[in-house]
Amino acid sequence: MVHRAIAIGSGALSIVPYSGFLIIFNNLTGLTMKDTFKNGFISISVTHWIAMAIIVIMALLGLA
């Protein structure tokens, strides 16, 4: 259970500014980091933290 929560929670770090995905995406679209970082942070980081919280709550209730 701990491994599952850590694996989901660590996905939140994939939006850091030096992420290869973000650099390639910005180069392909011609956008700047300022244009994409806010939406990327919300869509990747926040959703991973919510998923991790759900997994931890399910584990505490014995459902996972």
PDB file of N, CA and C in Angstrom:
ATOM      1  N   MET A   1       0.821  -1.176   0.000  1.00  0.00           N
ATOM      2  CA  MET A   1       0.000   0.000   0.000  1.00  0.00           C
ATOM      3  C   MET A   1       0.877   1.256   0.000  1.00  0.00           C
ATOM      4  N   VAL A   2       1.938   1.232   0.782  1.00  0.00           N
ATOM      5  CA  VAL A   2       2.835   2.382   0.830  1.00  0.00           C
ATOM      6  C   VAL A   2       3.454   2.620  -0.549  1.00  0.00           C
ATOM      7  N   HIS A   3       3.849   1.542  -1.209  1.00  0.00           N
ATOM      8  CA  HIS A   3       4.438   1.666  -2.543  1.00  0.00           C
ATOM      9  C   HIS A   3       3.439   2.277  -3.520  1.00  0.00           C
ATOM     10  N   ARG A   4       2.206   1.867  -3.462  1.00  0.00           N
ATOM     11  CA  ARG A   4       1.178   2.391  -4.363  1.00  0.00           C
ATOM     12  C   ARG A   4       0.961   3.886  -4.142  1.00  0.00           C
ATOM     13  N   ALA A   5       0.878   4.300  -2.892  1.00  0.00           N
ATOM     14  CA  ALA A   5       0.678   5.725  -2.588  1.00  0.00           C
ATOM     15  C   ALA A   5       1.884   6.553  -3.027  1.00  0.00           C
ATOM     16  N   ILE A   6       3.084   6.040  -2.819  1.00  0.00           N
ATOM     17  CA  ILE A   6       4.283   6.770  -3.222  1.00  0.00           C
ATOM     18  C   ILE A   6       4.395   6.851  -4.738  1.00  0.00           C
ATOM     19  N   ALA A   7       4.064   5.770  -5.436  1.00  0.00           N
ATOM     20  CA  ALA A   7       4.134   5.772  -6.897  1.00  0.00           C
ATOM     21  C   ALA A   7       3.164   6.783  -7.500  1.00  0.00           C
ATOM     22  N   ILE A   8       1.974   6.878  -6.951  1.00  0.00           N
ATOM     23  CA  ILE A   8       1.004   7.847  -7.466  1.00  0.00           C
ATOM     24  C   ILE A   8       1.415   9.261  -7.085  1.00  0.00           C
ATOM     25  N   GLY A   9       1.846   9.458  -5.868  1.00  0.00           N
ATOM     26  CA  GLY A   9       2.246  10.787  -5.414  1.00  0.00           C
ATOM     27  C   GLY A   9       3.481  11.319  -6.126  1.00  0.00           C
ATOM     28  N   SER A  10       4.391  10.447  -6.518  1.00  0.00           N
ATOM     29  CA  SER A  10       5.606  10.904  -7.177  1.00  0.00           C
ATOM     30  C   SER A  10       5.338  11.409  -8.583  1.00  0.00           C
ATOM     31  N   GLY A  11       4.221  11.068  -9.157  1.00  0.00           N
ATOM     32  CA  GLY A  11       3.865  11.593 -10.470  1.00  0.00           C
ATOM     33  C   GLY A  11       3.681  13.094 -10.446  1.00  0.00           C
ATOM     34  N   ALA A  12       3.458  13.647  -9.274  1.00  0.00           N
ATOM     35  CA  ALA A  12       3.293  15.095  -9.148  1.00  0.00           C
ATOM     36  C   ALA A  12       4.582  15.829  -9.478  1.00  0.00           C
ATOM     37  N   LEU A  13       5.708  15.160  -9.439  1.00  0.00           N
ATOM     38  CA  LEU A  13       6.988  15.814  -9.721  1.00  0.00           C
ATOM     39  C   LEU A  13       7.301  15.866 -11.206  1.00  0.00           C
ATOM     40  N   SER A  14       6.428  15.347 -12.057  1.00  0.00           N
ATOM     41  CA  SER A  14       6.710  15.339 -13.488  1.00  0.00           C
ATOM     42  C   SER A  14       6.467  16.677 -14.153  1.00  0.00           C
ATOM     43  N   ILE A  15       5.988  17.662 -13.442  1.00  0.00           N
ATOM     44  CA  ILE A  15       5.710  18.971 -14.027  1.00  0.00           C
ATOM     45  C   ILE A  15       6.778  19.992 -13.665  1.00  0.00           C
ATOM     46  N   VAL A  16       7.837  19.589 -13.007  1.00  0.00           N
ATOM     47  CA  VAL A  16       8.880  20.535 -12.641  1.00  0.00           C
ATOM     48  C   VAL A  16       9.418  21.223 -13.901  1.00  0.00           C
ATOM     49  N   PRO A  17       9.897  22.456 -13.796  1.00  0.00           N
ATOM     50  CA  PRO A  17      10.287  23.224 -14.989  1.00  0.00           C
ATOM     51  C   PRO A  17      11.347  22.564 -15.862  1.00  0.00           C
ATOM     52  N   TYR A  18      12.186  21.714 -15.307  1.00  0.00           N
ATOM     53  CA  TYR A  18      13.222  21.074 -16.113  1.00  0.00           C
ATOM     54  C   TYR A  18      12.781  19.707 -16.637  1.00  0.00           C
ATOM     55  N   SER A  19      11.486  19.437 -16.577  1.00  0.00           N
ATOM     56  CA  SER A  19      10.954  18.172 -17.073  1.00  0.00           C
ATOM     57  C   SER A  19      11.132  18.088 -18.594  1.00  0.00           C
ATOM     58  N   GLY A  20      11.605  16.960 -19.059  1.00  0.00           N
ATOM     59  CA  GLY A  20      11.796  16.766 -20.495  1.00  0.00           C
ATOM     60  C   GLY A  20      10.510  16.900 -21.273  1.00  0.00           C
ATOM     61  N   PHE A  21       9.426  16.394 -20.720  1.00  0.00           N
ATOM     62  CA  PHE A  21       8.130  16.491 -21.389  1.00  0.00           C
ATOM     63  C   PHE A  21       7.740  17.946 -21.602  1.00  0.00           C
ATOM     64  N   LEU A  22       7.887  18.755 -20.579  1.00  0.00           N
ATOM     65  CA  LEU A  22       7.481  20.162 -20.666  1.00  0.00           C
ATOM     66  C   LEU A  22       8.358  20.928 -21.644  1.00  0.00           C
ATOM     67  N   ILE A  23       9.638  20.655 -21.654  1.00  0.00           N
ATOM     68  CA  ILE A  23      10.547  21.332 -22.581  1.00  0.00           C
ATOM     69  C   ILE A  23      10.205  20.972 -24.019  1.00  0.00           C
ATOM     70  N   ILE A  24       9.990  19.700 -24.309  1.00  0.00           N
ATOM     71  CA  ILE A  24       9.642  19.269 -25.663  1.00  0.00           C
ATOM     72  C   ILE A  24       8.288  19.829 -26.084  1.00  0.00           C
ATOM     73  N   PHE A  25       7.311  19.800 -25.199  1.00  0.00           N
ATOM     74  CA  PHE A  25       5.983  20.337 -25.507  1.00  0.00           C
ATOM     75  C   PHE A  25       6.069  21.819 -25.858  1.00  0.00           C
ATOM     76  N   ASN A  26       6.814  22.580 -25.075  1.00  0.00           N
ATOM     77  CA  ASN A  26       6.953  24.013 -25.346  1.00  0.00           C
ATOM     78  C   ASN A  26       7.677  24.272 -26.663  1.00  0.00           C
ATOM     79  N   ASN A  27       8.684  23.472 -26.978  1.00  0.00           N
ATOM     80  CA  ASN A  27       9.387  23.646 -28.253  1.00  0.00           C
ATOM     81  C   ASN A  27       8.484  23.324 -29.435  1.00  0.00           C
ATOM     82  N   LEU A  28       7.677  22.285 -29.327  1.00  0.00           N
ATOM     83  CA  LEU A  28       6.795  21.905 -30.431  1.00  0.00           C
ATOM     84  C   LEU A  28       5.673  22.910 -30.661  1.00  0.00           C
ATOM     85  N   THR A  29       5.147  23.472 -29.593  1.00  0.00           N
ATOM     86  CA  THR A  29       4.017  24.386 -29.716  1.00  0.00           C
ATOM     87  C   THR A  29       4.425  25.847 -29.844  1.00  0.00           C
ATOM     88  N   GLY A  30       5.675  26.164 -29.547  1.00  0.00           N
ATOM     89  CA  GLY A  30       6.131  27.546 -29.619  1.00  0.00           C
ATOM     90  C   GLY A  30       5.680  28.388 -28.439  1.00  0.00           C
ATOM     91  N   LEU A  31       5.217  27.749 -27.379  1.00  0.00           N
ATOM     92  CA  LEU A  31       4.787  28.470 -26.188  1.00  0.00           C
ATOM     93  C   LEU A  31       5.961  28.665 -25.239  1.00  0.00           C
ATOM     94  N   THR A  32       5.775  29.566 -24.297  1.00  0.00           N
ATOM     95  CA  THR A  32       6.804  29.783 -23.283  1.00  0.00           C
ATOM     96  C   THR A  32       6.416  29.050 -22.003  1.00  0.00           C
ATOM     97  N   MET A  33       7.366  28.952 -21.096  1.00  0.00           N
ATOM     98  CA  MET A  33       7.098  28.301 -19.814  1.00  0.00           C
ATOM     99  C   MET A  33       6.018  29.061 -19.050  1.00  0.00           C
ATOM    100  N   LYS A  34       6.026  30.365 -19.174  1.00  0.00           N
ATOM    101  CA  LYS A  34       5.026  31.188 -18.494  1.00  0.00           C
ATOM    102  C   LYS A  34       3.615  30.865 -18.992  1.00  0.00           C
ATOM    103  N   ASP A  35       3.485  30.544 -20.276  1.00  0.00           N
ATOM    104  CA  ASP A  35       2.172  30.227 -20.854  1.00  0.00           C
ATOM    105  C   ASP A  35       1.633  28.884 -20.383  1.00  0.00           C
ATOM    106  N   THR A  36       2.499  27.932 -20.172  1.00  0.00           N
ATOM    107  CA  THR A  36       2.047  26.555 -19.941  1.00  0.00           C
ATOM    108  C   THR A  36       2.152  26.054 -18.510  1.00  0.00           C
ATOM    109  N   PHE A  37       2.947  26.715 -17.674  1.00  0.00           N
ATOM    110  CA  PHE A  37       3.229  26.126 -16.367  1.00  0.00           C
ATOM    111  C   PHE A  37       2.015  26.071 -15.454  1.00  0.00           C
ATOM    112  N   LYS A  38       1.194  27.098 -15.425  1.00  0.00           N
ATOM    113  CA  LYS A  38       0.040  27.110 -14.527  1.00  0.00           C
ATOM    114  C   LYS A  38      -0.932  25.981 -14.857  1.00  0.00           C
ATOM    115  N   ASN A  39      -1.311  25.852 -16.110  1.00  0.00           N
ATOM    116  CA  ASN A  39      -2.237  24.786 -16.496  1.00  0.00           C
ATOM    117  C   ASN A  39      -1.612  23.408 -16.321  1.00  0.00           C
ATOM    118  N   GLY A  40      -0.332  23.292 -16.626  1.00  0.00           N
ATOM    119  CA  GLY A  40       0.350  22.018 -16.432  1.00  0.00           C
ATOM    120  C   GLY A  40       0.422  21.630 -14.975  1.00  0.00           C
ATOM    121  N   PHE A  41       0.677  22.595 -14.118  1.00  0.00           N
ATOM    122  CA  PHE A  41       0.732  22.318 -12.685  1.00  0.00           C
ATOM    123  C   PHE A  41      -0.612  21.822 -12.178  1.00  0.00           C
ATOM    124  N   ILE A  42      -1.671  22.482 -12.587  1.00  0.00           N
ATOM    125  CA  ILE A  42      -3.006  22.091 -12.129  1.00  0.00           C
ATOM    126  C   ILE A  42      -3.370  20.707 -12.646  1.00  0.00           C
ATOM    127  N   SER A  43      -3.143  20.460 -13.925  1.00  0.00           N
ATOM    128  CA  SER A  43      -3.589  19.193 -14.505  1.00  0.00           C
ATOM    129  C   SER A  43      -2.750  17.996 -14.073  1.00  0.00           C
ATOM    130  N   ILE A  44      -1.493  18.198 -13.762  1.00  0.00           N
ATOM    131  CA  ILE A  44      -0.645  17.070 -13.392  1.00  0.00           C
ATOM    132  C   ILE A  44      -0.448  16.971 -11.887  1.00  0.00           C
ATOM    133  N   SER A  45       0.019  18.018 -11.274  1.00  0.00           N
ATOM    134  CA  SER A  45       0.387  17.958  -9.860  1.00  0.00           C
ATOM    135  C   SER A  45      -0.824  17.812  -8.944  1.00  0.00           C
ATOM    136  N   VAL A  46      -1.809  18.654  -9.131  1.00  0.00           N
ATOM    137  CA  VAL A  46      -2.973  18.631  -8.245  1.00  0.00           C
ATOM    138  C   VAL A  46      -3.732  17.312  -8.368  1.00  0.00           C
ATOM    139  N   THR A  47      -3.896  16.813  -9.582  1.00  0.00           N
ATOM    140  CA  THR A  47      -4.637  15.553  -9.747  1.00  0.00           C
ATOM    141  C   THR A  47      -3.890  14.373  -9.123  1.00  0.00           C
ATOM    142  N   HIS A  48      -2.556  14.378  -9.191  1.00  0.00           N
ATOM    143  CA  HIS A  48      -1.800  13.294  -8.559  1.00  0.00           C
ATOM    144  C   HIS A  48      -1.915  13.345  -7.040  1.00  0.00           C
ATOM    145  N   TRP A  49      -1.898  14.530  -6.470  1.00  0.00           N
ATOM    146  CA  TRP A  49      -2.038  14.640  -5.016  1.00  0.00           C
ATOM    147  C   TRP A  49      -3.433  14.218  -4.563  1.00  0.00           C
ATOM    148  N   ILE A  50      -4.441  14.527  -5.352  1.00  0.00           N
ATOM    149  CA  ILE A  50      -5.808  14.090  -5.018  1.00  0.00           C
ATOM    150  C   ILE A  50      -5.898  12.571  -5.083  1.00  0.00           C
ATOM    151  N   ALA A  51      -5.326  11.982  -6.120  1.00  0.00           N
ATOM    152  CA  ALA A  51      -5.339  10.522  -6.250  1.00  0.00           C
ATOM    153  C   ALA A  51      -4.595   9.863  -5.095  1.00  0.00           C
ATOM    154  N   MET A  52      -3.470  10.451  -4.689  1.00  0.00           N
ATOM    155  CA  MET A  52      -2.725   9.889  -3.570  1.00  0.00           C
ATOM    156  C   MET A  52      -3.533   9.969  -2.277  1.00  0.00           C
ATOM    157  N   ALA A  53      -4.226  11.073  -2.067  1.00  0.00           N
ATOM    158  CA  ALA A  53      -5.045  11.210  -0.866  1.00  0.00           C
ATOM    159  C   ALA A  53      -6.167  10.174  -0.851  1.00  0.00           C
ATOM    160  N   ILE A  54      -6.776   9.911  -1.991  1.00  0.00           N
ATOM    161  CA  ILE A  54      -7.839   8.904  -2.066  1.00  0.00           C
ATOM    162  C   ILE A  54      -7.297   7.520  -1.747  1.00  0.00           C
ATOM    163  N   ILE A  55      -6.120   7.187  -2.277  1.00  0.00           N
ATOM    164  CA  ILE A  55      -5.509   5.883  -1.991  1.00  0.00           C
ATOM    165  C   ILE A  55      -5.211   5.742  -0.500  1.00  0.00           C
ATOM    166  N   VAL A  56      -4.685   6.786   0.118  1.00  0.00           N
ATOM    167  CA  VAL A  56      -4.365   6.717   1.552  1.00  0.00           C
ATOM    168  C   VAL A  56      -5.636   6.555   2.366  1.00  0.00           C
ATOM    169  N   ILE A  57      -6.689   7.283   2.035  1.00  0.00           N
ATOM    170  CA  ILE A  57      -7.966   7.172   2.759  1.00  0.00           C
ATOM    171  C   ILE A  57      -8.552   5.760   2.588  1.00  0.00           C
ATOM    172  N   MET A  58      -8.499   5.230   1.377  1.00  0.00           N
ATOM    173  CA  MET A  58      -8.996   3.874   1.146  1.00  0.00           C
ATOM    174  C   MET A  58      -8.183   2.851   1.950  1.00  0.00           C
ATOM    175  N   ALA A  59      -6.886   3.068   2.039  1.00  0.00           N
ATOM    176  CA  ALA A  59      -6.039   2.148   2.810  1.00  0.00           C
ATOM    177  C   ALA A  59      -6.369   2.217   4.283  1.00  0.00           C
ATOM    178  N   LEU A  60      -6.621   3.406   4.776  1.00  0.00           N
ATOM    179  CA  LEU A  60      -6.967   3.527   6.198  1.00  0.00           C
ATOM    180  C   LEU A  60      -8.316   2.879   6.507  1.00  0.00           C
ATOM    181  N   LEU A  61      -9.209   2.882   5.531  1.00  0.00           N
ATOM    182  CA  LEU A  61     -10.531   2.267   5.738  1.00  0.00           C
ATOM    183  C   LEU A  61     -10.525   0.773   5.416  1.00  0.00           C
ATOM    184  N   GLY A  62      -9.392   0.265   4.906  1.00  0.00           N
ATOM    185  CA  GLY A  62      -9.278  -1.143   4.580  1.00  0.00           C
ATOM    186  C   GLY A  62      -9.927  -1.521   3.257  1.00  0.00           C
ATOM    187  N   LEU A  63     -10.107  -0.559   2.369  1.00  0.00           N
ATOM    188  CA  LEU A  63     -10.768  -0.820   1.098  1.00  0.00           C
ATOM    189  C   LEU A  63      -9.795  -1.086  -0.039  1.00  0.00           C
ATOM    190  N   ALA A  64      -8.521  -0.836   0.165  1.00  0.00           N
ATOM    191  CA  ALA A  64      -7.566  -1.007  -0.921  1.00  0.00           C
ATOM    192  C   ALA A  64      -6.541  -2.073  -0.586  1.00  0.00           C
TER     193      ALA A  64
END
